Each structure stands twice: as C-alpha cells, then as structure tokens.
Amino acid sequence: MSRLLPLVALLAACADGASTAPPATSAPTPPPPTADPWAAVRARVSSVPVANLVVIVGDRSGRLLTIERGTLSTQSPLRIASVSKWLSGYGIYALTEQGRMSLADRPQRYLPFWTQDASDLRARVTLESLLAFTSGFNYPPDDAGCLQDPMTTVQQCAQSFYQRGASTEPGSAYFYGDAHLQIAGAMVERATGQDWRTFFATEVAPRIGLTTTQFSLPSQRNPRVAAGAVSTVNDMETFLRRLLRGELVRDLEAYRRERTAAATFLSTVTPLQVLRLDWRYGLGFWRECDDATWSSRCASSMVLSSPGGFGSTPWISFDEGYYAMIAMDEQIVAGEPASVASVRLEQALQPLISAALATLRR
C-alpha cells in the first residue's frame, strides 16, 4: 500500500494540471469589410442614362478608379471634340517655351496673306489672343464654313476666316469658337514647316507620351485644330497625369494663368451658359470656379478642364492633387446636349471624389 502512494500522488498532480490548463481559443473574428471609398462616385455614375461610358480618377501616382460601361473602354478610339483644344493649346504653348514662337507673335509674321496695316483689327491679333479665344474672329463652333470642309487645308481655312474678318478688338472680347485655333494652327504650320497633323504626330504626341491620338477630322488635310482629334482615355490620362506632375511645362504658373479677366464674354451656347457657371479661359482650357460669379477665391483656385461636344470632360484639380475624365460619344443625354450632361456630371462628381480622396489619404 505504501508503494502505491507516490503513484496516486502523481496521478493527482496530473489531474490538477489538466484542470488548470488554459481553455482552447477560437479563431479571431475577422474585421468588418472596408467600405468602398468610391461607392458614392459609382452610384452617381450609375444614374447616368448612357449605355457606353468610362470614368477614371487618378493622382500623381497613377490610376485610382476605373468605371467602364457597355462597349466603351479606356482603350476605345474616341472623338473628343473640344477636348482637342487643350491638347492643341498645350502643343502651341510648348513651342513658345522652346523659343520657336512667342505668345506676342502676330499672324503677319508667318502668313503671307495677312495684313500689315496697323489700323486693321486683324493686324493687332496675337498668338495669345488666338489661344485665349479673344482674337476677334468670333465664329461659332457650328459655323458652316471651312472647318467642315475635308477638301481644303488649314492654311486655306485660316485665309478664309481672315477674309471674313474680325468683329472685335483683339483681347477685348471672349468668344467660344474654333476659328481662333485654326488660324493659330496655320501659324504653327509656317513656323515649323509641317502641316498640323504631322506637327502633332511628330512633336506634340511624343513629348506628352501619346500613342494613339491623332488629328483627322474632318480630314487629314484639314483637321480642326480646336475639335478634330481622335484619342483614347488612356492617352488623355497620360496627358492629365503628366501635367498634374508638372512634367510637361517649365513654368506651370504661367501656363495655367487665366487670360480673359479683362474680356467681355460674348454669348455662345456652351455648358457654362446652360449651367450658369462663371468660368474663365486660359490657353485652350477652362479655369473653373465654384462661386456664382468669378471671385478672388476662384482666381486662387486651380481646376482646369476642357469639355467636349460628344460628352467627354477631362479635368485636373491641382488644389487636391488629382485628375479625372468622363468619356462618352453621344449627342443627347437625358434630353440635353451631351456636353451639358457631362459637365453636370463632372460638377456632381467633384465633391464625391474629394470625399473619397480624403478617406484614402487618412
């Protein structure tokens, strides 16, 4: 019996140890799924009654959001209409930074048909006034003249506008139309020795990093410098991102400056008039303003955009460090011009994008 006591004590000790062992733990509860910071943006885009639509958002590091609907993708060829103005304005401004042209240049320096008579309004036009749409050649975008003629040339089209004449003192009035840039394009052709399409393909596109964008509408002989490009969302994103990064111009402040503070805005049918937006114009792009009338706050704000007639709208918010683009190829959306619907969507998306970025950057 005495020999069994140590064994009994040992078994008791083991039993006591088993009773004090920590209980088995269950698997940790997974954290709740993270809310999509872009949910409000997606919801607003989903409300647009367009079958084929793309929306992208990105910052200096690259793409943050892609929404593709229907058959349109970021790689699809797209008629960008007046989005072309931003590309053309940039390409011409780059020539001035290279010292090959100047914003103070007058057409008569390059175009043999242009008057030298200082008493003629046309002799006081400058390259800057052409890029800022204050040259006095106040013809609407739907003008039935040479801009729609595939058989003429940029030179002949510019001469046609010259012969039709200017109606306001250069610099005094803003008019949204395509004649200004067609004349500027003719100046570029003479300055570079290349037709506009070749100049863009060999100098501007490689400088930006574009791989598919070309000016071909209404024809390669007479591309509309203000509205004749075919591009893709991917190409436009390259332009927007590099401009946001400050990689495309040496003096970003000078490039972004609004150029129409002293000009009277003449009535033209654009999304601004329909939506009652008081924006200003730069060198082929809009300087946006959220106030009812242009104010000192607007002057210090830095949101650039260039809506197009078929509903594409790219923009850059330098203030918040992002770029975005709405892309579509439509005439009418929900009973209004596609350009108006696109800017309406852009204005609705901007605060939603700001909120999403604030969440991501916490």
Protein backbone atom coordinates (compact mmCIF):
# COMPACT_ATOMS: atom_id res chain seq x y z
CA MET A 1 0.00 0.00 0.00
CA SER A 2 2.81 2.40 0.81
CA ARG A 3 4.27 1.74 -2.64
CA LEU A 4 1.07 2.95 -4.31
CA LEU A 5 1.03 6.34 -2.58
CA PRO A 6 3.61 8.02 -4.86
CA LEU A 7 1.71 6.80 -7.94
CA VAL A 8 -1.58 8.12 -6.57
CA ALA A 9 0.04 11.47 -5.79
CA LEU A 10 1.50 11.65 -9.30
CA LEU A 11 -1.87 10.94 -10.92
CA ALA A 12 -3.49 13.57 -8.72
CA ALA A 13 -0.89 16.13 -9.71
CA CYS A 14 -1.50 15.39 -13.39
CA ALA A 15 -5.25 15.76 -12.87
CA ASP A 16 -4.74 19.08 -11.13
CA GLY A 17 -2.53 20.28 -14.01
CA ALA A 18 -5.12 19.31 -16.58
CA SER A 19 -7.77 21.20 -14.73
CA THR A 20 -5.75 24.45 -14.76
CA ALA A 21 -4.73 24.38 -18.49
CA PRO A 22 -5.96 27.42 -20.44
CA PRO A 23 -9.12 26.80 -22.47
CA ALA A 24 -8.78 26.40 -26.21
CA THR A 25 -9.13 29.70 -28.04
CA SER A 26 -11.46 30.21 -31.01
CA ALA A 27 -10.30 31.71 -34.35
CA PRO A 28 -10.09 35.53 -34.26
CA THR A 29 -13.11 37.36 -35.61
CA PRO A 30 -12.23 38.88 -39.00
CA PRO A 31 -12.51 42.67 -39.20
CA PRO A 32 -15.58 44.02 -40.96
CA PRO A 33 -15.08 44.58 -44.69
CA THR A 34 -13.67 48.01 -45.52
CA ALA A 35 -16.27 50.32 -47.05
CA ASP A 36 -15.60 51.26 -50.66
CA PRO A 37 -14.49 54.92 -50.61
CA TRP A 38 -15.69 55.25 -54.19
CA ALA A 39 -19.22 53.97 -53.54
CA ALA A 40 -20.82 57.41 -53.86
CA VAL A 41 -18.94 58.08 -57.10
CA ARG A 42 -20.04 54.73 -58.53
CA ALA A 43 -23.64 55.37 -57.52
CA ARG A 44 -23.73 58.80 -59.16
CA VAL A 45 -22.19 57.46 -62.37
CA SER A 46 -24.66 54.57 -62.43
CA SER A 47 -27.52 57.08 -62.52
CA VAL A 48 -26.44 58.48 -65.89
CA PRO A 49 -28.63 57.04 -68.67
CA VAL A 50 -25.81 56.27 -71.10
CA ALA A 51 -25.07 52.77 -72.33
CA ASN A 52 -21.38 53.30 -73.10
CA LEU A 53 -19.42 55.33 -70.58
CA VAL A 54 -16.00 55.50 -68.92
CA VAL A 55 -14.97 57.40 -65.81
CA ILE A 56 -11.44 57.40 -64.40
CA VAL A 57 -9.82 59.12 -61.43
CA GLY A 58 -6.11 59.24 -60.60
CA ASP A 59 -3.45 61.17 -58.77
CA ARG A 60 0.27 61.76 -59.22
CA SER A 61 0.97 58.08 -58.53
CA GLY A 62 -1.45 56.81 -61.17
CA ARG A 63 -4.97 55.42 -61.65
CA LEU A 64 -7.19 55.12 -58.58
CA LEU A 65 -10.59 54.31 -60.09
CA THR A 66 -11.88 52.89 -63.36
CA ILE A 67 -15.54 52.59 -64.30
CA GLU A 68 -16.30 51.10 -67.72
CA ARG A 69 -19.80 50.54 -69.01
CA GLY A 70 -21.01 48.93 -72.21
CA THR A 71 -18.66 48.67 -75.18
CA LEU A 72 -16.58 51.75 -74.35
CA SER A 73 -13.25 51.12 -72.62
CA THR A 74 -10.17 53.13 -71.76
CA GLN A 75 -8.62 51.83 -75.00
CA SER A 76 -11.52 52.65 -77.33
CA PRO A 77 -10.95 55.27 -80.07
CA LEU A 78 -12.99 58.32 -79.09
CA ARG A 79 -13.98 61.53 -80.87
CA ILE A 80 -13.00 64.02 -78.21
CA ALA A 81 -14.28 67.19 -79.97
CA SER A 82 -13.37 70.28 -77.94
CA VAL A 83 -11.15 68.30 -75.60
CA SER A 84 -8.79 68.78 -78.57
CA LYS A 85 -8.45 72.45 -77.61
CA TRP A 86 -6.47 71.53 -74.50
CA LEU A 87 -4.05 69.33 -76.48
CA SER A 88 -3.59 71.90 -79.24
CA GLY A 89 -3.17 74.79 -76.83
CA TYR A 90 -0.53 72.84 -74.95
CA GLY A 91 1.32 71.89 -78.14
CA ILE A 92 1.49 75.53 -79.27
CA TYR A 93 2.49 76.75 -75.80
CA ALA A 94 5.35 74.24 -75.82
CA LEU A 95 6.70 75.97 -78.94
CA THR A 96 6.80 79.25 -77.04
CA GLU A 97 8.73 77.64 -74.19
CA GLN A 98 11.20 76.30 -76.74
CA GLY A 99 11.68 79.81 -78.13
CA ARG A 100 10.40 78.86 -81.58
CA MET A 101 7.32 81.06 -81.27
CA SER A 102 6.10 83.75 -78.87
CA LEU A 103 2.70 84.48 -77.39
CA ALA A 104 3.22 88.04 -78.70
CA ASP A 105 3.68 86.83 -82.28
CA ARG A 106 1.25 88.24 -84.85
CA PRO A 107 -0.12 86.22 -87.77
CA GLN A 108 1.51 88.53 -90.35
CA ARG A 109 4.92 87.28 -89.23
CA TYR A 110 4.05 83.85 -90.62
CA LEU A 111 1.10 84.16 -93.01
CA PRO A 112 1.82 85.98 -96.30
CA PHE A 113 -1.85 86.87 -96.87
CA TRP A 114 -2.18 88.69 -93.52
CA THR A 115 -2.38 92.47 -93.44
CA GLN A 116 0.45 94.66 -92.12
CA ASP A 117 -1.84 97.68 -91.78
CA ALA A 118 -1.82 98.73 -88.10
CA SER A 119 -5.23 100.37 -88.48
CA ASP A 120 -6.76 96.98 -89.33
CA LEU A 121 -8.07 94.96 -86.36
CA ARG A 122 -6.57 91.84 -87.83
CA ALA A 123 -3.03 93.24 -87.68
CA ARG A 124 -3.32 93.51 -83.87
CA VAL A 125 -4.15 89.83 -83.30
CA THR A 126 -1.57 87.91 -81.27
CA LEU A 127 -0.92 84.23 -80.77
CA GLU A 128 -2.02 84.65 -77.15
CA SER A 129 -5.35 86.16 -78.18
CA LEU A 130 -5.91 83.26 -80.57
CA LEU A 131 -5.21 80.65 -77.87
CA ALA A 132 -7.40 82.55 -75.37
CA PHE A 133 -10.28 82.98 -77.87
CA THR A 134 -10.11 86.77 -77.68
CA SER A 135 -8.75 87.36 -81.19
CA GLY A 136 -11.96 88.91 -82.53
CA PHE A 137 -12.63 86.08 -85.01
CA ASN A 138 -15.99 85.38 -83.44
CA TYR A 139 -17.43 82.47 -85.39
CA PRO A 140 -19.39 79.76 -83.54
CA PRO A 141 -18.23 76.13 -83.37
CA ASP A 142 -21.02 75.03 -85.73
CA ASP A 143 -20.03 77.60 -88.37
CA ALA A 144 -20.78 76.10 -91.78
CA GLY A 145 -17.56 77.39 -93.34
CA CYS A 146 -14.22 75.76 -94.00
CA LEU A 147 -13.98 73.94 -90.67
CA GLN A 148 -16.32 71.28 -92.03
CA ASP A 149 -14.68 71.06 -95.46
CA PRO A 150 -12.50 67.94 -95.76
CA MET A 151 -11.06 69.05 -99.10
CA THR A 152 -9.47 72.34 -98.04
CA THR A 153 -6.34 72.82 -95.89
CA VAL A 154 -5.55 74.52 -92.59
CA GLN A 155 -3.82 77.33 -94.50
CA GLN A 156 -6.77 77.88 -96.82
CA CYS A 157 -9.22 77.70 -93.92
CA ALA A 158 -7.27 80.31 -91.96
CA GLN A 159 -7.25 82.56 -95.02
CA SER A 160 -11.00 82.10 -95.36
CA PHE A 161 -11.54 83.37 -91.81
CA TYR A 162 -9.11 86.22 -92.45
CA GLN A 163 -11.14 87.31 -95.47
CA ARG A 164 -14.39 87.13 -93.49
CA GLY A 165 -12.81 89.44 -90.92
CA ALA A 166 -12.65 90.10 -87.18
CA SER A 167 -15.50 91.82 -85.36
CA THR A 168 -13.99 92.93 -82.02
CA GLU A 169 -10.69 94.42 -80.89
CA PRO A 170 -8.24 91.62 -80.08
CA GLY A 171 -8.14 91.00 -76.34
CA SER A 172 -11.38 92.82 -75.62
CA ALA A 173 -13.97 90.06 -76.00
CA TYR A 174 -14.09 86.32 -75.41
CA PHE A 175 -15.94 84.16 -77.93
CA TYR A 176 -16.03 80.36 -77.77
CA GLY A 177 -15.40 79.22 -81.33
CA ASP A 178 -12.95 77.26 -83.44
CA ALA A 179 -11.69 79.91 -85.87
CA HIS A 180 -9.11 81.18 -83.37
CA LEU A 181 -7.21 77.90 -83.21
CA GLN A 182 -7.45 77.22 -86.94
CA ILE A 183 -5.58 80.47 -87.51
CA ALA A 184 -3.09 79.62 -84.76
CA GLY A 185 -2.59 76.22 -86.38
CA ALA A 186 -1.79 77.90 -89.70
CA MET A 187 0.86 80.00 -87.92
CA VAL A 188 2.35 76.83 -86.42
CA GLU A 189 2.50 75.17 -89.83
CA ARG A 190 4.56 78.07 -91.19
CA ALA A 191 6.76 78.26 -88.08
CA THR A 192 7.60 74.54 -88.08
CA GLY A 193 7.43 73.72 -91.79
CA GLN A 194 4.98 70.89 -91.09
CA ASP A 195 1.25 70.52 -91.61
CA TRP A 196 -0.75 70.43 -88.37
CA ARG A 197 -1.34 66.68 -88.37
CA THR A 198 2.37 65.95 -88.86
CA PHE A 199 3.43 68.56 -86.29
CA PHE A 200 1.18 66.99 -83.67
CA ALA A 201 2.22 63.43 -84.54
CA THR A 202 5.97 64.07 -84.59
CA GLU A 203 6.40 66.74 -81.91
CA VAL A 204 3.45 67.03 -79.54
CA ALA A 205 2.37 63.41 -79.14
CA PRO A 206 5.88 62.06 -78.38
CA ARG A 207 6.55 64.94 -75.99
CA ILE A 208 3.44 64.00 -73.97
CA GLY A 209 3.73 60.24 -74.44
CA LEU A 210 0.58 59.74 -76.52
CA THR A 211 0.45 56.56 -78.59
CA THR A 212 -2.88 56.69 -80.45
CA THR A 213 -4.09 60.30 -80.57
CA GLN A 214 -4.24 61.94 -83.98
CA PHE A 215 -5.92 64.89 -85.68
CA SER A 216 -8.00 63.54 -88.54
CA LEU A 217 -11.44 65.20 -88.52
CA PRO A 218 -12.95 66.25 -90.85
CA SER A 219 -9.85 65.11 -92.78
CA GLN A 220 -6.10 64.79 -92.53
CA ARG A 221 -5.75 67.69 -94.97
CA ASN A 222 -7.89 70.00 -92.87
CA PRO A 223 -8.06 68.76 -89.28
CA ARG A 224 -9.96 71.01 -86.91
CA VAL A 225 -7.23 72.24 -84.60
CA ALA A 226 -9.87 73.00 -81.97
CA ALA A 227 -12.01 69.87 -82.29
CA GLY A 228 -10.63 67.32 -84.74
CA ALA A 229 -8.71 64.82 -82.59
CA VAL A 230 -9.45 61.15 -82.05
CA SER A 231 -7.94 59.81 -78.83
CA THR A 232 -8.43 57.28 -76.02
CA VAL A 233 -8.99 57.63 -72.30
CA ASN A 234 -5.58 56.05 -71.72
CA ASP A 235 -3.87 58.66 -73.88
CA MET A 236 -5.73 61.51 -72.25
CA GLU A 237 -4.81 60.12 -68.84
CA THR A 238 -1.14 60.31 -69.77
CA PHE A 239 -1.56 63.99 -70.59
CA LEU A 240 -3.53 64.75 -67.42
CA ARG A 241 -1.21 62.87 -65.09
CA ARG A 242 1.99 64.35 -66.52
CA LEU A 243 0.55 67.85 -66.47
CA LEU A 244 -0.52 67.35 -62.85
CA ARG A 245 3.02 66.26 -62.02
CA GLY A 246 4.44 69.38 -63.67
CA GLU A 247 6.39 67.35 -66.22
CA LEU A 248 5.19 68.99 -69.44
CA VAL A 249 5.89 72.71 -68.98
CA ARG A 250 8.77 74.60 -67.41
CA ASP A 251 6.64 77.42 -65.98
CA LEU A 252 3.44 75.81 -64.74
CA GLU A 253 2.17 79.01 -63.12
CA ALA A 254 2.43 80.96 -66.37
CA TYR A 255 0.81 78.17 -68.35
CA ARG A 256 -2.19 77.85 -66.01
CA ARG A 257 -2.91 81.59 -65.83
CA GLU A 258 -6.40 82.67 -66.92
CA ARG A 259 -6.26 85.05 -69.87
CA THR A 260 -9.73 86.60 -70.06
CA ALA A 261 -10.07 88.77 -66.95
CA ALA A 262 -10.35 91.97 -69.00
CA ALA A 263 -12.52 90.49 -71.75
CA THR A 264 -16.27 90.78 -72.22
CA PHE A 265 -17.82 87.35 -72.64
CA LEU A 266 -19.94 87.26 -75.77
CA SER A 267 -22.88 84.87 -75.77
CA THR A 268 -22.22 81.42 -77.20
CA VAL A 269 -24.10 78.23 -76.41
CA THR A 270 -21.81 76.20 -74.14
CA PRO A 271 -22.41 74.18 -70.95
CA LEU A 272 -21.40 77.28 -69.00
CA GLN A 273 -24.38 79.28 -70.18
CA VAL A 274 -26.81 76.42 -69.61
CA LEU A 275 -25.50 75.60 -66.14
CA ARG A 276 -24.79 79.25 -65.23
CA LEU A 277 -21.12 78.72 -64.49
CA ASP A 278 -18.83 81.74 -64.35
CA TRP A 279 -15.51 80.30 -65.50
CA ARG A 280 -12.55 81.95 -67.22
CA TYR A 281 -10.40 80.78 -70.11
CA GLY A 282 -6.71 80.04 -70.40
CA LEU A 283 -4.71 78.76 -73.37
CA GLY A 284 -7.17 76.21 -74.71
CA PHE A 285 -8.71 75.23 -71.36
CA TRP A 286 -11.20 76.50 -68.78
CA ARG A 287 -10.31 77.75 -65.32
CA GLU A 288 -13.22 76.57 -63.21
CA CYS A 289 -15.00 78.48 -60.45
CA ASP A 290 -17.49 77.13 -57.91
CA ASP A 291 -18.81 80.57 -56.93
CA ALA A 292 -21.83 82.12 -58.63
CA THR A 293 -19.56 84.82 -60.05
CA TRP A 294 -15.81 84.85 -60.58
CA SER A 295 -14.15 85.85 -57.32
CA SER A 296 -10.75 86.16 -55.68
CA ARG A 297 -11.28 82.63 -54.36
CA CYS A 298 -11.76 81.43 -57.92
CA ALA A 299 -8.64 83.28 -59.01
CA SER A 300 -6.58 81.32 -56.48
CA SER A 301 -8.32 78.00 -57.18
CA MET A 302 -6.70 75.79 -59.77
CA VAL A 303 -9.09 73.42 -61.52
CA LEU A 304 -8.57 73.13 -65.28
CA SER A 305 -10.92 71.40 -67.72
CA SER A 306 -11.95 71.15 -71.37
CA PRO A 307 -15.41 69.66 -72.04
CA GLY A 308 -16.10 68.22 -75.49
CA GLY A 309 -19.21 68.27 -77.64
CA PHE A 310 -19.76 64.49 -77.57
CA GLY A 311 -19.74 64.35 -73.78
CA SER A 312 -16.12 63.80 -72.78
CA THR A 313 -14.78 66.02 -69.99
CA PRO A 314 -11.23 65.77 -68.61
CA TRP A 315 -10.15 67.88 -65.66
CA ILE A 316 -7.29 68.40 -63.22
CA SER A 317 -7.63 69.67 -59.67
CA PHE A 318 -4.19 70.97 -58.81
CA ASP A 319 -5.64 72.06 -55.47
CA GLU A 320 -6.49 68.49 -54.44
CA GLY A 321 -3.85 66.69 -56.47
CA TYR A 322 -5.98 64.55 -58.76
CA TYR A 323 -7.15 64.24 -62.35
CA ALA A 324 -10.31 62.69 -63.76
CA MET A 325 -12.12 62.13 -67.02
CA ILE A 326 -15.65 61.35 -68.12
CA ALA A 327 -15.72 59.75 -71.58
CA MET A 328 -18.66 59.15 -73.86
CA ASP A 329 -19.54 59.60 -77.54
CA GLU A 330 -23.11 60.86 -77.54
CA GLN A 331 -25.18 63.69 -78.97
CA ILE A 332 -28.01 63.88 -76.43
CA VAL A 333 -28.16 62.57 -72.84
CA ALA A 334 -31.40 62.73 -70.87
CA GLY A 335 -32.83 65.33 -73.23
CA GLU A 336 -29.90 67.77 -73.14
CA PRO A 337 -26.68 68.12 -75.17
CA ALA A 338 -24.08 65.55 -74.15
CA SER A 339 -21.59 68.31 -73.35
CA VAL A 340 -24.02 69.81 -70.84
CA ALA A 341 -24.81 66.42 -69.29
CA SER A 342 -21.10 65.68 -68.98
CA VAL A 343 -20.28 68.94 -67.20
CA ARG A 344 -23.33 68.45 -64.97
CA LEU A 345 -21.91 65.03 -64.03
CA GLU A 346 -18.43 66.47 -63.55
CA GLN A 347 -19.74 69.08 -61.12
CA ALA A 348 -21.65 66.42 -59.19
CA LEU A 349 -18.63 64.11 -59.02
CA GLN A 350 -16.10 66.65 -57.81
CA PRO A 351 -17.20 66.78 -54.14
CA LEU A 352 -17.68 63.00 -54.12
CA ILE A 353 -14.14 62.49 -55.42
CA SER A 354 -12.84 64.92 -52.79
CA ALA A 355 -14.53 62.87 -50.06
CA ALA A 356 -13.14 59.59 -51.44
CA LEU A 357 -9.61 61.00 -51.58
CA ALA A 358 -9.90 62.30 -48.03
CA THR A 359 -10.80 58.77 -46.88
CA LEU A 360 -7.92 57.19 -48.80
CA ARG A 361 -5.39 59.71 -47.52
CA ARG A 362 -6.19 59.37 -43.81
